[in-house]
Amino acid sequence: MNNPKVSVILNCFNGGDFINNCLQSIINQSYSNYEIILFDNNSTDNSIKLARKFNSKKIKIFKSKKKLKLYDARNKAISKATGKYLAFIDVDDTWLPKKIEKQVKKVYTDKSDICYTNHWTVN
C-alpha cells in the first residue's frame, strides 16, 4: 500500500464547544499523510480562534462570508482539497486513532472507490 494523501473535510458552524476534541482526534491519527480543510460557515463564536491555537500546518482554514447550506459549504471545502481521498467529519464528532489508516488500507485491499464506517452515539 502506498501513502496517498487524505483531505479531511471539516465543516464548522458555531462549533466552539466541540472543535478542540474534533481536531485533536484528527491530529492523533496513526496515519500521517492528511490535510484538514476546515471550512467555517460564517460562525459567530470562537471556533476559528480555537482552531488556530493548534498552530498546525495540516489545518487549512477557510471562512465563508455568508452562511451557506451544508451541501454548498461541503462543496466549497472539497474544492480546496488536494488529497487523493476525502474523509468527512462533523465538528461535533471525533475519530478513533486508527480510523484513516484502516480505511485507506481497506480501500487498497478491496480495490474499492468508497469506504464508510459504523458510529457510536455518546451522550
N, C-alpha and C. Protein backbone atom coordinates (compact mmCIF):
# COMPACT_ATOMS: atom_id res chain seq x y z
N MET A 1 0.85 -1.18 0.00
CA MET A 1 0.00 0.00 0.00
C MET A 1 0.89 1.24 0.00
N ASN A 2 0.59 2.16 -0.88
CA ASN A 2 1.34 3.42 -0.84
C ASN A 2 0.71 4.34 0.19
N ASN A 3 1.07 5.58 0.19
CA ASN A 3 0.69 6.51 1.25
C ASN A 3 -0.05 7.71 0.66
N PRO A 4 -1.27 7.51 0.13
CA PRO A 4 -1.97 8.63 -0.51
C PRO A 4 -2.42 9.68 0.50
N LYS A 5 -2.44 10.90 0.04
CA LYS A 5 -2.89 12.00 0.90
C LYS A 5 -4.41 11.94 1.05
N VAL A 6 -4.88 12.17 2.28
CA VAL A 6 -6.30 12.21 2.58
C VAL A 6 -6.66 13.64 2.99
N SER A 7 -7.67 14.18 2.35
CA SER A 7 -8.19 15.50 2.73
C SER A 7 -9.37 15.30 3.66
N VAL A 8 -9.21 15.75 4.89
CA VAL A 8 -10.27 15.64 5.89
C VAL A 8 -11.12 16.90 5.78
N ILE A 9 -12.37 16.73 5.43
CA ILE A 9 -13.29 17.84 5.25
C ILE A 9 -14.05 18.06 6.56
N LEU A 10 -13.82 19.22 7.16
CA LEU A 10 -14.45 19.57 8.43
C LEU A 10 -15.22 20.87 8.25
N ASN A 11 -16.53 20.75 8.16
CA ASN A 11 -17.36 21.95 8.10
C ASN A 11 -17.74 22.34 9.52
N CYS A 12 -17.76 23.64 9.76
CA CYS A 12 -18.00 24.14 11.11
C CYS A 12 -18.92 25.34 11.08
N PHE A 13 -19.94 25.31 11.91
CA PHE A 13 -20.77 26.49 12.18
C PHE A 13 -20.99 26.54 13.68
N ASN A 14 -20.41 27.54 14.32
CA ASN A 14 -20.52 27.72 15.77
C ASN A 14 -20.21 26.43 16.52
N GLY A 15 -19.07 25.84 16.21
CA GLY A 15 -18.67 24.58 16.83
C GLY A 15 -17.66 24.73 17.95
N GLY A 16 -17.60 25.90 18.55
CA GLY A 16 -16.60 26.15 19.59
C GLY A 16 -16.61 25.17 20.74
N ASP A 17 -17.77 24.63 21.07
CA ASP A 17 -17.86 23.67 22.18
C ASP A 17 -17.25 22.32 21.82
N PHE A 18 -17.05 22.05 20.54
CA PHE A 18 -16.63 20.72 20.08
C PHE A 18 -15.31 20.70 19.33
N ILE A 19 -14.89 21.83 18.80
CA ILE A 19 -13.80 21.84 17.81
C ILE A 19 -12.47 21.33 18.37
N ASN A 20 -12.18 21.58 19.63
CA ASN A 20 -10.92 21.08 20.19
C ASN A 20 -10.86 19.56 20.16
N ASN A 21 -11.91 18.90 20.64
CA ASN A 21 -11.94 17.43 20.64
C ASN A 21 -11.92 16.87 19.23
N CYS A 22 -12.65 17.52 18.33
CA CYS A 22 -12.69 17.05 16.95
C CYS A 22 -11.31 17.13 16.30
N LEU A 23 -10.70 18.30 16.37
CA LEU A 23 -9.37 18.47 15.76
C LEU A 23 -8.33 17.57 16.42
N GLN A 24 -8.39 17.43 17.73
CA GLN A 24 -7.41 16.58 18.42
C GLN A 24 -7.54 15.13 17.96
N SER A 25 -8.78 14.68 17.72
CA SER A 25 -8.97 13.29 17.26
C SER A 25 -8.40 13.10 15.85
N ILE A 26 -8.39 14.12 15.05
CA ILE A 26 -7.80 14.02 13.71
C ILE A 26 -6.27 14.06 13.83
N ILE A 27 -5.77 14.98 14.60
CA ILE A 27 -4.32 15.11 14.77
C ILE A 27 -3.72 13.86 15.41
N ASN A 28 -4.48 13.14 16.21
CA ASN A 28 -4.00 11.92 16.87
C ASN A 28 -4.03 10.70 15.96
N GLN A 29 -4.36 10.85 14.71
CA GLN A 29 -4.43 9.72 13.80
C GLN A 29 -3.07 9.06 13.62
N SER A 30 -3.06 7.74 13.51
CA SER A 30 -1.83 7.00 13.25
C SER A 30 -1.36 7.24 11.81
N TYR A 31 -2.27 7.56 10.93
CA TYR A 31 -1.96 7.86 9.52
C TYR A 31 -1.58 9.32 9.45
N SER A 32 -0.44 9.62 8.86
CA SER A 32 0.08 10.99 8.94
C SER A 32 -0.04 11.81 7.65
N ASN A 33 -0.36 11.18 6.53
CA ASN A 33 -0.42 11.95 5.28
C ASN A 33 -1.85 12.45 5.05
N TYR A 34 -2.17 13.53 5.73
CA TYR A 34 -3.50 14.12 5.61
C TYR A 34 -3.40 15.64 5.72
N GLU A 35 -4.44 16.28 5.28
CA GLU A 35 -4.64 17.71 5.50
C GLU A 35 -6.05 17.87 6.06
N ILE A 36 -6.25 18.91 6.82
CA ILE A 36 -7.58 19.22 7.34
C ILE A 36 -8.07 20.48 6.65
N ILE A 37 -9.16 20.35 5.93
CA ILE A 37 -9.80 21.51 5.31
C ILE A 37 -10.93 21.92 6.23
N LEU A 38 -10.67 22.94 7.04
CA LEU A 38 -11.67 23.45 7.97
C LEU A 38 -12.40 24.59 7.27
N PHE A 39 -13.66 24.37 6.97
CA PHE A 39 -14.46 25.39 6.30
C PHE A 39 -15.44 25.96 7.32
N ASP A 40 -15.17 27.19 7.74
CA ASP A 40 -16.05 27.85 8.71
C ASP A 40 -17.20 28.51 7.97
N ASN A 41 -18.41 28.11 8.34
CA ASN A 41 -19.62 28.57 7.65
C ASN A 41 -20.18 29.83 8.33
N ASN A 42 -19.32 30.83 8.45
CA ASN A 42 -19.69 32.14 8.99
C ASN A 42 -20.10 32.05 10.47
N SER A 43 -19.30 31.34 11.24
CA SER A 43 -19.57 31.21 12.68
C SER A 43 -19.51 32.56 13.37
N THR A 44 -20.26 32.67 14.46
CA THR A 44 -20.24 33.88 15.28
C THR A 44 -19.64 33.61 16.65
N ASP A 45 -19.11 32.42 16.84
CA ASP A 45 -18.48 32.07 18.12
C ASP A 45 -16.97 32.05 17.97
N ASN A 46 -16.28 31.36 18.86
CA ASN A 46 -14.82 31.34 18.89
C ASN A 46 -14.22 30.14 18.15
N SER A 47 -14.95 29.51 17.27
CA SER A 47 -14.49 28.29 16.59
C SER A 47 -13.12 28.48 15.93
N ILE A 48 -13.00 29.49 15.12
CA ILE A 48 -11.76 29.71 14.36
C ILE A 48 -10.60 30.05 15.30
N LYS A 49 -10.87 30.86 16.30
CA LYS A 49 -9.83 31.22 17.27
C LYS A 49 -9.28 29.96 17.94
N LEU A 50 -10.17 29.05 18.32
CA LEU A 50 -9.75 27.80 18.95
C LEU A 50 -8.96 26.93 17.97
N ALA A 51 -9.40 26.86 16.73
CA ALA A 51 -8.70 26.05 15.73
C ALA A 51 -7.29 26.58 15.47
N ARG A 52 -7.15 27.89 15.44
CA ARG A 52 -5.83 28.49 15.19
C ARG A 52 -4.85 28.20 16.31
N LYS A 53 -5.34 27.94 17.51
CA LYS A 53 -4.45 27.64 18.65
C LYS A 53 -3.68 26.33 18.43
N PHE A 54 -4.17 25.48 17.55
CA PHE A 54 -3.46 24.24 17.26
C PHE A 54 -2.15 24.51 16.52
N ASN A 55 -2.08 25.63 15.82
CA ASN A 55 -0.86 26.06 15.14
C ASN A 55 -0.26 24.93 14.31
N SER A 56 -1.11 24.27 13.53
CA SER A 56 -0.67 23.14 12.71
C SER A 56 -0.74 23.50 11.23
N LYS A 57 0.33 23.17 10.50
CA LYS A 57 0.34 23.39 9.05
C LYS A 57 -0.64 22.46 8.34
N LYS A 58 -1.07 21.42 9.01
CA LYS A 58 -2.03 20.48 8.41
C LYS A 58 -3.44 21.06 8.36
N ILE A 59 -3.72 22.06 9.20
CA ILE A 59 -5.06 22.67 9.25
C ILE A 59 -5.09 23.88 8.33
N LYS A 60 -5.93 23.79 7.31
CA LYS A 60 -6.11 24.90 6.38
C LYS A 60 -7.52 25.46 6.61
N ILE A 61 -7.57 26.72 7.04
CA ILE A 61 -8.84 27.32 7.45
C ILE A 61 -9.36 28.24 6.35
N PHE A 62 -10.63 28.04 6.01
CA PHE A 62 -11.33 28.88 5.04
C PHE A 62 -12.61 29.36 5.70
N LYS A 63 -12.97 30.61 5.49
CA LYS A 63 -14.15 31.18 6.13
C LYS A 63 -15.10 31.73 5.08
N SER A 64 -16.35 31.34 5.19
CA SER A 64 -17.38 31.84 4.29
C SER A 64 -17.81 33.24 4.73
N LYS A 65 -18.09 34.09 3.77
CA LYS A 65 -18.54 35.44 4.08
C LYS A 65 -20.02 35.48 4.44
N LYS A 66 -20.73 34.41 4.10
CA LYS A 66 -22.15 34.33 4.46
C LYS A 66 -22.48 32.88 4.79
N LYS A 67 -23.55 32.68 5.53
CA LYS A 67 -23.99 31.33 5.92
C LYS A 67 -24.50 30.60 4.68
N LEU A 68 -23.97 29.40 4.46
CA LEU A 68 -24.35 28.58 3.31
C LEU A 68 -25.10 27.34 3.78
N LYS A 69 -25.86 26.75 2.89
CA LYS A 69 -26.45 25.44 3.16
C LYS A 69 -25.29 24.45 3.28
N LEU A 70 -25.49 23.39 4.06
CA LEU A 70 -24.41 22.45 4.33
C LEU A 70 -23.80 21.89 3.04
N TYR A 71 -24.63 21.52 2.06
CA TYR A 71 -24.07 20.95 0.83
C TYR A 71 -23.21 21.96 0.09
N ASP A 72 -23.59 23.24 0.11
CA ASP A 72 -22.75 24.26 -0.52
C ASP A 72 -21.43 24.42 0.23
N ALA A 73 -21.51 24.42 1.55
CA ALA A 73 -20.30 24.55 2.37
C ALA A 73 -19.37 23.36 2.13
N ARG A 74 -19.92 22.16 2.07
CA ARG A 74 -19.09 20.98 1.81
C ARG A 74 -18.44 21.05 0.44
N ASN A 75 -19.20 21.46 -0.55
CA ASN A 75 -18.64 21.58 -1.90
C ASN A 75 -17.53 22.62 -1.95
N LYS A 76 -17.68 23.72 -1.23
CA LYS A 76 -16.61 24.74 -1.17
C LYS A 76 -15.37 24.14 -0.51
N ALA A 77 -15.56 23.38 0.56
CA ALA A 77 -14.43 22.75 1.23
C ALA A 77 -13.75 21.73 0.32
N ILE A 78 -14.53 20.93 -0.37
CA ILE A 78 -13.98 19.93 -1.29
C ILE A 78 -13.14 20.60 -2.37
N SER A 79 -13.57 21.77 -2.83
CA SER A 79 -12.82 22.47 -3.88
C SER A 79 -11.43 22.90 -3.41
N LYS A 80 -11.20 22.94 -2.12
CA LYS A 80 -9.89 23.32 -1.55
C LYS A 80 -8.99 22.10 -1.30
N ALA A 81 -9.56 20.91 -1.41
CA ALA A 81 -8.84 19.68 -1.08
C ALA A 81 -7.77 19.35 -2.12
N THR A 82 -6.65 18.81 -1.65
CA THR A 82 -5.57 18.40 -2.56
C THR A 82 -5.25 16.91 -2.44
N GLY A 83 -5.97 16.20 -1.59
CA GLY A 83 -5.71 14.78 -1.38
C GLY A 83 -6.31 13.88 -2.43
N LYS A 84 -5.84 12.64 -2.48
CA LYS A 84 -6.40 11.63 -3.37
C LYS A 84 -7.77 11.17 -2.87
N TYR A 85 -7.92 11.13 -1.54
CA TYR A 85 -9.17 10.68 -0.93
C TYR A 85 -9.74 11.78 -0.05
N LEU A 86 -11.06 11.74 0.13
CA LEU A 86 -11.76 12.65 1.02
C LEU A 86 -12.28 11.87 2.22
N ALA A 87 -12.22 12.48 3.38
CA ALA A 87 -12.82 11.92 4.59
C ALA A 87 -13.64 13.05 5.22
N PHE A 88 -14.85 12.75 5.62
CA PHE A 88 -15.74 13.77 6.17
C PHE A 88 -15.92 13.57 7.67
N ILE A 89 -15.86 14.68 8.39
CA ILE A 89 -16.14 14.67 9.83
C ILE A 89 -16.92 15.93 10.16
N ASP A 90 -17.90 15.79 11.05
CA ASP A 90 -18.64 16.95 11.54
C ASP A 90 -17.95 17.46 12.79
N VAL A 91 -18.10 18.74 13.06
CA VAL A 91 -17.37 19.37 14.15
C VAL A 91 -17.71 18.77 15.53
N ASP A 92 -18.87 18.17 15.65
CA ASP A 92 -19.23 17.58 16.94
C ASP A 92 -18.91 16.08 17.01
N ASP A 93 -18.08 15.60 16.09
CA ASP A 93 -17.68 14.20 16.06
C ASP A 93 -16.19 14.06 16.40
N THR A 94 -15.81 12.85 16.79
CA THR A 94 -14.40 12.51 17.00
C THR A 94 -14.13 11.16 16.35
N TRP A 95 -12.87 10.92 16.06
CA TRP A 95 -12.45 9.66 15.43
C TRP A 95 -11.54 8.88 16.37
N LEU A 96 -11.61 7.56 16.26
CA LEU A 96 -10.64 6.71 16.93
C LEU A 96 -9.29 6.85 16.22
N PRO A 97 -8.18 6.60 16.90
CA PRO A 97 -6.85 6.93 16.37
C PRO A 97 -6.44 6.23 15.07
N LYS A 98 -7.02 5.10 14.72
CA LYS A 98 -6.59 4.40 13.52
C LYS A 98 -7.62 4.46 12.39
N LYS A 99 -8.58 5.35 12.49
CA LYS A 99 -9.65 5.42 11.51
C LYS A 99 -9.13 5.60 10.08
N ILE A 100 -8.35 6.63 9.84
CA ILE A 100 -7.87 6.89 8.48
C ILE A 100 -6.99 5.74 8.00
N GLU A 101 -6.08 5.28 8.84
CA GLU A 101 -5.18 4.17 8.48
C GLU A 101 -5.98 2.95 8.03
N LYS A 102 -6.96 2.57 8.81
CA LYS A 102 -7.77 1.39 8.49
C LYS A 102 -8.57 1.58 7.20
N GLN A 103 -9.11 2.77 7.00
CA GLN A 103 -9.92 2.98 5.80
C GLN A 103 -9.06 3.02 4.54
N VAL A 104 -7.92 3.66 4.60
CA VAL A 104 -7.04 3.67 3.42
C VAL A 104 -6.60 2.24 3.08
N LYS A 105 -6.22 1.47 4.10
CA LYS A 105 -5.83 0.08 3.88
C LYS A 105 -6.97 -0.72 3.26
N LYS A 106 -8.18 -0.52 3.75
CA LYS A 106 -9.35 -1.25 3.25
C LYS A 106 -9.62 -0.89 1.79
N VAL A 107 -9.51 0.36 1.44
CA VAL A 107 -9.73 0.79 0.05
C VAL A 107 -8.73 0.09 -0.87
N TYR A 108 -7.46 0.01 -0.44
CA TYR A 108 -6.45 -0.65 -1.26
C TYR A 108 -6.63 -2.15 -1.31
N THR A 109 -6.92 -2.76 -0.18
CA THR A 109 -7.10 -4.21 -0.12
C THR A 109 -8.27 -4.66 -0.99
N ASP A 110 -9.39 -3.95 -0.89
CA ASP A 110 -10.60 -4.33 -1.62
C ASP A 110 -10.69 -3.69 -3.01
N LYS A 111 -9.72 -2.82 -3.33
CA LYS A 111 -9.75 -2.09 -4.60
C LYS A 111 -11.11 -1.41 -4.80
N SER A 112 -11.54 -0.71 -3.76
CA SER A 112 -12.85 -0.05 -3.80
C SER A 112 -12.69 1.46 -3.98
N ASP A 113 -13.79 2.08 -4.31
CA ASP A 113 -13.80 3.53 -4.51
C ASP A 113 -14.33 4.28 -3.31
N ILE A 114 -14.98 3.57 -2.41
CA ILE A 114 -15.60 4.22 -1.26
C ILE A 114 -15.49 3.30 -0.05
N CYS A 115 -15.43 3.93 1.11
CA CYS A 115 -15.36 3.17 2.36
C CYS A 115 -16.08 3.99 3.42
N TYR A 116 -16.88 3.32 4.23
CA TYR A 116 -17.59 4.01 5.30
C TYR A 116 -17.50 3.19 6.58
N THR A 117 -17.85 3.81 7.67
CA THR A 117 -17.71 3.15 8.97
C THR A 117 -19.01 3.21 9.76
N ASN A 118 -19.00 2.48 10.84
CA ASN A 118 -20.08 2.50 11.79
C ASN A 118 -19.91 3.73 12.69
N HIS A 119 -20.82 3.94 13.60
CA HIS A 119 -20.68 5.05 14.53
C HIS A 119 -21.25 4.66 15.89
N TRP A 120 -20.83 5.39 16.90
CA TRP A 120 -21.38 5.25 18.24
C TRP A 120 -21.90 6.60 18.66
N THR A 121 -23.03 6.59 19.34
CA THR A 121 -23.59 7.81 19.88
C THR A 121 -23.18 7.91 21.34
N VAL A 122 -22.59 9.05 21.70
CA VAL A 122 -22.12 9.27 23.06
C VAL A 122 -22.93 10.41 23.65
N ASN A 123 -23.53 10.17 24.78
CA ASN A 123 -24.31 11.22 25.45
C ASN A 123 -23.49 11.84 26.57
